[in-house]
Amino acid sequence: AWSTSHPHQPHVAWGTSVKISGTTR
């Protein structure tokens, strides 16, 4: 199994303009 972050749905930190992404190696 592996993790992915969907590129079309950025996750924005609430109340900021910071987009958060992540993955496992």
PDB file of all heavy atoms in Angstrom:
ATOM      1  N   ALA A   1       0.854  -1.187   0.000  1.00  0.00           N
ATOM      2  CA  ALA A   1       0.000   0.000   0.000  1.00  0.00           C
ATOM      3  C   ALA A   1       0.881   1.225   0.000  1.00  0.00           C
ATOM      4  O   ALA A   1       2.009   1.176   0.459  1.00  0.00           O
ATOM      5  CB  ALA A   1      -0.903   0.000   1.232  1.00  0.00           C
ATOM      6  N   TRP A   2       0.376   2.320  -0.508  1.00  0.00           N
ATOM      7  CA  TRP A   2       1.130   3.571  -0.475  1.00  0.00           C
ATOM      8  C   TRP A   2       0.166   4.725  -0.384  1.00  0.00           C
ATOM      9  O   TRP A   2      -1.024   4.574  -0.583  1.00  0.00           O
ATOM     10  CB  TRP A   2       2.045   3.705  -1.689  1.00  0.00           C
ATOM     11  CG  TRP A   2       1.363   3.730  -3.000  1.00  0.00           C
ATOM     12  CD1 TRP A   2       0.929   4.823  -3.683  1.00  0.00           C
ATOM     13  CD2 TRP A   2       1.020   2.610  -3.816  1.00  0.00           C
ATOM     14  NE1 TRP A   2       0.346   4.456  -4.866  1.00  0.00           N
ATOM     15  CE2 TRP A   2       0.392   3.104  -4.972  1.00  0.00           C
ATOM     16  CE3 TRP A   2       1.184   1.246  -3.680  1.00  0.00           C
ATOM     17  CZ2 TRP A   2      -0.065   2.280  -5.975  1.00  0.00           C
ATOM     18  CZ3 TRP A   2       0.721   0.430  -4.687  1.00  0.00           C
ATOM     19  CH2 TRP A   2       0.112   0.942  -5.810  1.00  0.00           C
ATOM     20  N   SER A   3       0.704   5.886  -0.090  1.00  0.00           N
ATOM     21  CA  SER A   3      -0.160   7.054   0.042  1.00  0.00           C
ATOM     22  C   SER A   3       0.097   8.016  -1.097  1.00  0.00           C
ATOM     23  O   SER A   3       1.181   8.076  -1.647  1.00  0.00           O
ATOM     24  CB  SER A   3       0.091   7.763   1.375  1.00  0.00           C
ATOM     25  OG  SER A   3       1.340   8.398   1.338  1.00  0.00           O
ATOM     26  N   THR A   4      -0.925   8.746  -1.432  1.00  0.00           N
ATOM     27  CA  THR A   4      -0.802   9.775  -2.459  1.00  0.00           C
ATOM     28  C   THR A   4      -1.553  11.003  -1.991  1.00  0.00           C
ATOM     29  O   THR A   4      -2.398  10.932  -1.120  1.00  0.00           O
ATOM     30  CB  THR A   4      -1.409   9.319  -3.802  1.00  0.00           C
ATOM     31  OG1 THR A   4      -2.782   9.026  -3.596  1.00  0.00           O
ATOM     32  CG2 THR A   4      -0.685   8.119  -4.362  1.00  0.00           C
ATOM     33  N   SER A   5      -1.228  12.103  -2.568  1.00  0.00           N
ATOM     34  CA  SER A   5      -1.967  13.328  -2.299  1.00  0.00           C
ATOM     35  C   SER A   5      -2.558  13.766  -3.625  1.00  0.00           C
ATOM     36  O   SER A   5      -1.852  13.910  -4.615  1.00  0.00           O
ATOM     37  CB  SER A   5      -1.025  14.389  -1.748  1.00  0.00           C
ATOM     38  OG  SER A   5      -1.743  15.525  -1.415  1.00  0.00           O
ATOM     39  N   HIS A   6      -3.848  13.938  -3.694  1.00  0.00           N
ATOM     40  CA  HIS A   6      -4.525  14.282  -4.935  1.00  0.00           C
ATOM     41  C   HIS A   6      -4.109  15.678  -5.363  1.00  0.00           C
ATOM     42  O   HIS A   6      -4.314  16.640  -4.637  1.00  0.00           O
ATOM     43  CB  HIS A   6      -6.031  14.205  -4.721  1.00  0.00           C
ATOM     44  CG  HIS A   6      -6.787  14.136  -6.002  1.00  0.00           C
ATOM     45  ND1 HIS A   6      -6.950  15.219  -6.814  1.00  0.00           N
ATOM     46  CD2 HIS A   6      -7.395  13.093  -6.623  1.00  0.00           C
ATOM     47  CE1 HIS A   6      -7.646  14.872  -7.877  1.00  0.00           C
ATOM     48  NE2 HIS A   6      -7.931  13.580  -7.779  1.00  0.00           N
ATOM     49  N   PRO A   7      -3.500  15.822  -6.569  1.00  0.00           N
ATOM     50  CA  PRO A   7      -2.976  17.127  -6.977  1.00  0.00           C
ATOM     51  C   PRO A   7      -4.049  18.171  -7.271  1.00  0.00           C
ATOM     52  O   PRO A   7      -3.764  19.346  -7.305  1.00  0.00           O
ATOM     53  CB  PRO A   7      -2.184  16.801  -8.247  1.00  0.00           C
ATOM     54  CG  PRO A   7      -2.792  15.542  -8.770  1.00  0.00           C
ATOM     55  CD  PRO A   7      -3.288  14.784  -7.566  1.00  0.00           C
ATOM     56  N   HIS A   8      -5.295  17.761  -7.486  1.00  0.00           N
ATOM     57  CA  HIS A   8      -6.326  18.728  -7.837  1.00  0.00           C
ATOM     58  C   HIS A   8      -7.089  19.248  -6.627  1.00  0.00           C
ATOM     59  O   HIS A   8      -7.937  20.106  -6.765  1.00  0.00           O
ATOM     60  CB  HIS A   8      -7.293  18.104  -8.843  1.00  0.00           C
ATOM     61  CG  HIS A   8      -6.605  17.605 -10.068  1.00  0.00           C
ATOM     62  ND1 HIS A   8      -5.952  18.439 -10.950  1.00  0.00           N
ATOM     63  CD2 HIS A   8      -6.409  16.352 -10.537  1.00  0.00           C
ATOM     64  CE1 HIS A   8      -5.413  17.731 -11.919  1.00  0.00           C
ATOM     65  NE2 HIS A   8      -5.671  16.461 -11.695  1.00  0.00           N
ATOM     66  N   GLN A   9      -6.823  18.712  -5.474  1.00  0.00           N
ATOM     67  CA  GLN A   9      -7.509  19.158  -4.271  1.00  0.00           C
ATOM     68  C   GLN A   9      -6.486  19.554  -3.213  1.00  0.00           C
ATOM     69  O   GLN A   9      -6.199  18.788  -2.309  1.00  0.00           O
ATOM     70  CB  GLN A   9      -8.411  18.053  -3.727  1.00  0.00           C
ATOM     71  CG  GLN A   9      -9.559  17.706  -4.638  1.00  0.00           C
ATOM     72  CD  GLN A   9     -10.410  16.613  -4.052  1.00  0.00           C
ATOM     73  OE1 GLN A   9     -10.039  15.953  -3.106  1.00  0.00           O
ATOM     74  NE2 GLN A   9     -11.573  16.416  -4.624  1.00  0.00           N
ATOM     75  N   PRO A  10      -5.899  20.745  -3.339  1.00  0.00           N
ATOM     76  CA  PRO A  10      -4.927  21.150  -2.332  1.00  0.00           C
ATOM     77  C   PRO A  10      -5.598  21.303  -0.976  1.00  0.00           C
ATOM     78  O   PRO A  10      -6.761  21.687  -0.891  1.00  0.00           O
ATOM     79  CB  PRO A  10      -4.405  22.490  -2.841  1.00  0.00           C
ATOM     80  CG  PRO A  10      -5.490  22.996  -3.728  1.00  0.00           C
ATOM     81  CD  PRO A  10      -6.158  21.782  -4.322  1.00  0.00           C
ATOM     82  N   HIS A  11      -4.883  20.959   0.044  1.00  0.00           N
ATOM     83  CA  HIS A  11      -5.394  21.075   1.403  1.00  0.00           C
ATOM     84  C   HIS A  11      -4.807  22.343   1.999  1.00  0.00           C
ATOM     85  O   HIS A  11      -3.598  22.469   2.132  1.00  0.00           O
ATOM     86  CB  HIS A  11      -4.998  19.844   2.212  1.00  0.00           C
ATOM     87  CG  HIS A  11      -5.446  18.574   1.554  1.00  0.00           C
ATOM     88  ND1 HIS A  11      -6.716  18.096   1.671  1.00  0.00           N
ATOM     89  CD2 HIS A  11      -4.792  17.708   0.751  1.00  0.00           C
ATOM     90  CE1 HIS A  11      -6.834  16.972   0.979  1.00  0.00           C
ATOM     91  NE2 HIS A  11      -5.678  16.721   0.409  1.00  0.00           N
ATOM     92  N   VAL A  12      -5.659  23.285   2.330  1.00  0.00           N
ATOM     93  CA  VAL A  12      -5.201  24.591   2.799  1.00  0.00           C
ATOM     94  C   VAL A  12      -5.372  24.664   4.313  1.00  0.00           C
ATOM     95  O   VAL A  12      -6.414  24.301   4.846  1.00  0.00           O
ATOM     96  CB  VAL A  12      -5.998  25.721   2.108  1.00  0.00           C
ATOM     97  CG1 VAL A  12      -5.522  27.079   2.586  1.00  0.00           C
ATOM     98  CG2 VAL A  12      -5.860  25.612   0.601  1.00  0.00           C
ATOM     99  N   ALA A  13      -4.314  25.101   4.974  1.00  0.00           N
ATOM    100  CA  ALA A  13      -4.387  25.297   6.424  1.00  0.00           C
ATOM    101  C   ALA A  13      -5.438  26.358   6.700  1.00  0.00           C
ATOM    102  O   ALA A  13      -5.445  27.426   6.077  1.00  0.00           O
ATOM    103  CB  ALA A  13      -3.029  25.715   6.977  1.00  0.00           C
ATOM    104  N   TRP A  14      -6.328  26.077   7.634  1.00  0.00           N
ATOM    105  CA  TRP A  14      -7.463  26.947   7.917  1.00  0.00           C
ATOM    106  C   TRP A  14      -7.016  28.362   8.237  1.00  0.00           C
ATOM    107  O   TRP A  14      -6.136  28.590   9.054  1.00  0.00           O
ATOM    108  CB  TRP A  14      -8.265  26.369   9.076  1.00  0.00           C
ATOM    109  CG  TRP A  14      -9.531  27.100   9.316  1.00  0.00           C
ATOM    110  CD1 TRP A  14     -10.693  26.975   8.619  1.00  0.00           C
ATOM    111  CD2 TRP A  14      -9.764  28.087  10.305  1.00  0.00           C
ATOM    112  NE1 TRP A  14     -11.645  27.818   9.113  1.00  0.00           N
ATOM    113  CE2 TRP A  14     -11.099  28.514  10.156  1.00  0.00           C
ATOM    114  CE3 TRP A  14      -8.994  28.644  11.304  1.00  0.00           C
ATOM    115  CZ2 TRP A  14     -11.655  29.483  10.975  1.00  0.00           C
ATOM    116  CZ3 TRP A  14      -9.551  29.612  12.108  1.00  0.00           C
ATOM    117  CH2 TRP A  14     -10.874  30.021  11.930  1.00  0.00           C
ATOM    118  N   GLY A  15      -7.599  29.323   7.560  1.00  0.00           N
ATOM    119  CA  GLY A  15      -7.320  30.729   7.814  1.00  0.00           C
ATOM    120  C   GLY A  15      -6.002  31.212   7.248  1.00  0.00           C
ATOM    121  O   GLY A  15      -5.539  32.293   7.593  1.00  0.00           O
ATOM    122  N   THR A  16      -5.364  30.424   6.369  1.00  0.00           N
ATOM    123  CA  THR A  16      -4.077  30.816   5.801  1.00  0.00           C
ATOM    124  C   THR A  16      -4.085  30.576   4.306  1.00  0.00           C
ATOM    125  O   THR A  16      -5.051  30.055   3.742  1.00  0.00           O
ATOM    126  CB  THR A  16      -2.914  29.998   6.406  1.00  0.00           C
ATOM    127  OG1 THR A  16      -2.980  28.667   5.896  1.00  0.00           O
ATOM    128  CG2 THR A  16      -2.956  29.974   7.917  1.00  0.00           C
ATOM    129  N   SER A  17      -2.998  30.920   3.667  1.00  0.00           N
ATOM    130  CA  SER A  17      -2.823  30.619   2.247  1.00  0.00           C
ATOM    131  C   SER A  17      -1.785  29.509   2.071  1.00  0.00           C
ATOM    132  O   SER A  17      -1.140  29.422   1.038  1.00  0.00           O
ATOM    133  CB  SER A  17      -2.384  31.885   1.509  1.00  0.00           C
ATOM    134  OG  SER A  17      -1.178  32.362   2.078  1.00  0.00           O
ATOM    135  N   VAL A  18      -1.625  28.656   3.078  1.00  0.00           N
ATOM    136  CA  VAL A  18      -0.639  27.578   3.038  1.00  0.00           C
ATOM    137  C   VAL A  18      -1.305  26.297   2.555  1.00  0.00           C
ATOM    138  O   VAL A  18      -2.246  25.802   3.174  1.00  0.00           O
ATOM    139  CB  VAL A  18       0.003  27.343   4.428  1.00  0.00           C
ATOM    140  CG1 VAL A  18       0.956  26.163   4.388  1.00  0.00           C
ATOM    141  CG2 VAL A  18       0.722  28.593   4.890  1.00  0.00           C
ATOM    142  N   LYS A  19      -0.819  25.758   1.440  1.00  0.00           N
ATOM    143  CA  LYS A  19      -1.294  24.480   0.925  1.00  0.00           C
ATOM    144  C   LYS A  19      -0.384  23.385   1.482  1.00  0.00           C
ATOM    145  O   LYS A  19       0.835  23.533   1.492  1.00  0.00           O
ATOM    146  CB  LYS A  19      -1.269  24.465  -0.596  1.00  0.00           C
ATOM    147  CG  LYS A  19      -2.264  25.414  -1.209  1.00  0.00           C
ATOM    148  CD  LYS A  19      -2.216  25.358  -2.722  1.00  0.00           C
ATOM    149  CE  LYS A  19      -3.174  26.361  -3.320  1.00  0.00           C
ATOM    150  NZ  LYS A  19      -3.093  26.365  -4.776  1.00  0.00           N
ATOM    151  N   ILE A  20      -0.993  22.296   1.919  1.00  0.00           N
ATOM    152  CA  ILE A  20      -0.243  21.200   2.534  1.00  0.00           C
ATOM    153  C   ILE A  20      -0.360  19.961   1.659  1.00  0.00           C
ATOM    154  O   ILE A  20      -1.452  19.603   1.220  1.00  0.00           O
ATOM    155  CB  ILE A  20      -0.774  20.887   3.944  1.00  0.00           C
ATOM    156  CG1 ILE A  20      -0.741  22.147   4.807  1.00  0.00           C
ATOM    157  CG2 ILE A  20       0.036  19.767   4.592  1.00  0.00           C
ATOM    158  CD1 ILE A  20      -1.466  22.002   6.130  1.00  0.00           C
ATOM    159  N   SER A  21       0.758  19.329   1.403  1.00  0.00           N
ATOM    160  CA  SER A  21       0.773  18.080   0.646  1.00  0.00           C
ATOM    161  C   SER A  21       1.661  17.098   1.394  1.00  0.00           C
ATOM    162  O   SER A  21       2.381  17.473   2.315  1.00  0.00           O
ATOM    163  CB  SER A  21       1.316  18.323  -0.771  1.00  0.00           C
ATOM    164  OG  SER A  21       2.634  18.840  -0.697  1.00  0.00           O
ATOM    165  N   GLY A  22       1.610  15.852   1.001  1.00  0.00           N
ATOM    166  CA  GLY A  22       2.447  14.874   1.677  1.00  0.00           C
ATOM    167  C   GLY A  22       2.444  13.547   0.970  1.00  0.00           C
ATOM    168  O   GLY A  22       1.584  13.270   0.129  1.00  0.00           O
ATOM    169  N   THR A  23       3.415  12.737   1.306  1.00  0.00           N
ATOM    170  CA  THR A  23       3.523  11.398   0.763  1.00  0.00           C
ATOM    171  C   THR A  23       4.400  10.560   1.684  1.00  0.00           C
ATOM    172  O   THR A  23       5.065  11.097   2.565  1.00  0.00           O
ATOM    173  CB  THR A  23       4.106  11.416  -0.666  1.00  0.00           C
ATOM    174  OG1 THR A  23       3.998  10.116  -1.224  1.00  0.00           O
ATOM    175  CG2 THR A  23       5.546  11.870  -0.688  1.00  0.00           C
ATOM    176  N   THR A  24       4.370   9.273   1.473  1.00  0.00           N
ATOM    177  CA  THR A  24       5.297   8.384   2.169  1.00  0.00           C
ATOM    178  C   THR A  24       6.282   7.867   1.142  1.00  0.00           C
ATOM    179  O   THR A  24       5.963   7.768  -0.046  1.00  0.00           O
ATOM    180  CB  THR A  24       4.570   7.200   2.837  1.00  0.00           C
ATOM    181  OG1 THR A  24       3.883   6.472   1.842  1.00  0.00           O
ATOM    182  CG2 THR A  24       3.598   7.675   3.895  1.00  0.00           C
ATOM    183  N   ARG A  25       7.482   7.529   1.585  1.00  0.00           N
ATOM    184  CA  ARG A  25       8.490   7.013   0.655  1.00  0.00           C
ATOM    185  C   ARG A  25       8.655   5.510   0.769  1.00  0.00           C
ATOM    186  O   ARG A  25       9.250   4.897  -0.090  1.00  0.00           O
ATOM    187  CB  ARG A  25       9.838   7.677   0.915  1.00  0.00           C
ATOM    188  CG  ARG A  25       9.833   9.128   0.604  1.00  0.00           C
ATOM    189  CD  ARG A  25      11.187   9.732   0.601  1.00  0.00           C
ATOM    190  NE  ARG A  25      12.130   9.125   1.506  1.00  0.00           N
ATOM    191  CZ  ARG A  25      13.304   9.630   1.776  1.00  0.00           C
ATOM    192  NH1 ARG A  25      13.668  10.738   1.226  1.00  0.00           N
ATOM    193  NH2 ARG A  25      14.115   9.031   2.615  1.00  0.00           N
TER     194      ARG A  25
END
